[in-house]
C-alpha cells in the first residue's frame, strides 16, 4: 500500500491576502487604541466585535463519497463499535464537510481499528482544608446578665480517601482511496480519561462515572477531515476610526481597508 503525503487545503488566492490584511489591521487598531499615548481621534471607548475564523481540515482528502469501517483487535462490545461508527459518520455529514456518507462503492474509505481499551483504579489520600467547629467559649451578656456559650470555627486540614479512575483507548485511523488503496491520511489515537472520586466506604462522591473515550476518538478523526471554527474578539477604536470600525464589525473588510487608506495621517 502506497502512502501519499497529507494535503492541506488552502484558501483562495484572492481572499487570503484580504483576510490576513484585515485581521492584521484590526489587531493593530486594537493595540494602538490601548497604548498609553493616545493619538488624536483615539478615545477610551471601544467597539467590541467578534470575528469568525474558519480553519481548513488538518488533512485534505478531497470530496465525494466516503464509507466508515470500525473494527477491533481486542474484545469489545459490538454496540460500542456501532456507536463509534455512527459518531464518525455523523461528523462527516455535518456542516461544511464535503462528503456524502455511503455504505458501498465509496471514493474514500475511513477506517478505525481499536487496538486497546481498558480501565484501572487506585486508592490514594488527599489533604484539604475544611471550615469546622474547633471549640467553644463563654461570653457574658449584659442584657440577660448570663454567660452564653459561643462556638468557635476555623480552617482545619482533613485527610480524605479518594479513588482515582483511569480509562484509556488506543486506535489506528486511516483514510484511503478505495480504488487504489493509497493512504491519504493516518494517525494513532490515544484518548485518556482520569477522575478522582471521594471514597465514602464504597460509595463515591463527586464522580461523573467515566469519560467518553468513543466520542473523543470520533472527534479526533472528524477534526482531521472537516473544517474547524473559532471566534476571536477585538476591541476596535471609535473617534475618527469609528467608520472603519463599524465596517469591520459588519464584515466589510474591503470597505474598512478602503476607508483607512483614504484617511489622512493622524496627528497628536
Foldseek 3Di string as FASTA:
>chain_A
DAADEFDWDDDDPVVVVLVVVLVVVLQVQQVQLPDPDHFPQRDVAWDKFKDKDKGTFLGEPDEWEEEEEEEEPDDDDPVLRVVLRVLLQVLCPDDPNRYDYDDDDTQKYKYKYWYDKDKDKDKDKDKDKDKDFDAWDWDADPVVRDIDIGTDIDIDIDMFMKMKMKIKIKMKIFMAGPVPRYTNDIDIDIDMDIDIFTDPPPDTHPDPPDDDPSNVVSVVVSRNRGMDMDMDMGIHGGGPLNVLVVCVRVPNSVVSVVVVVPDDDTGD
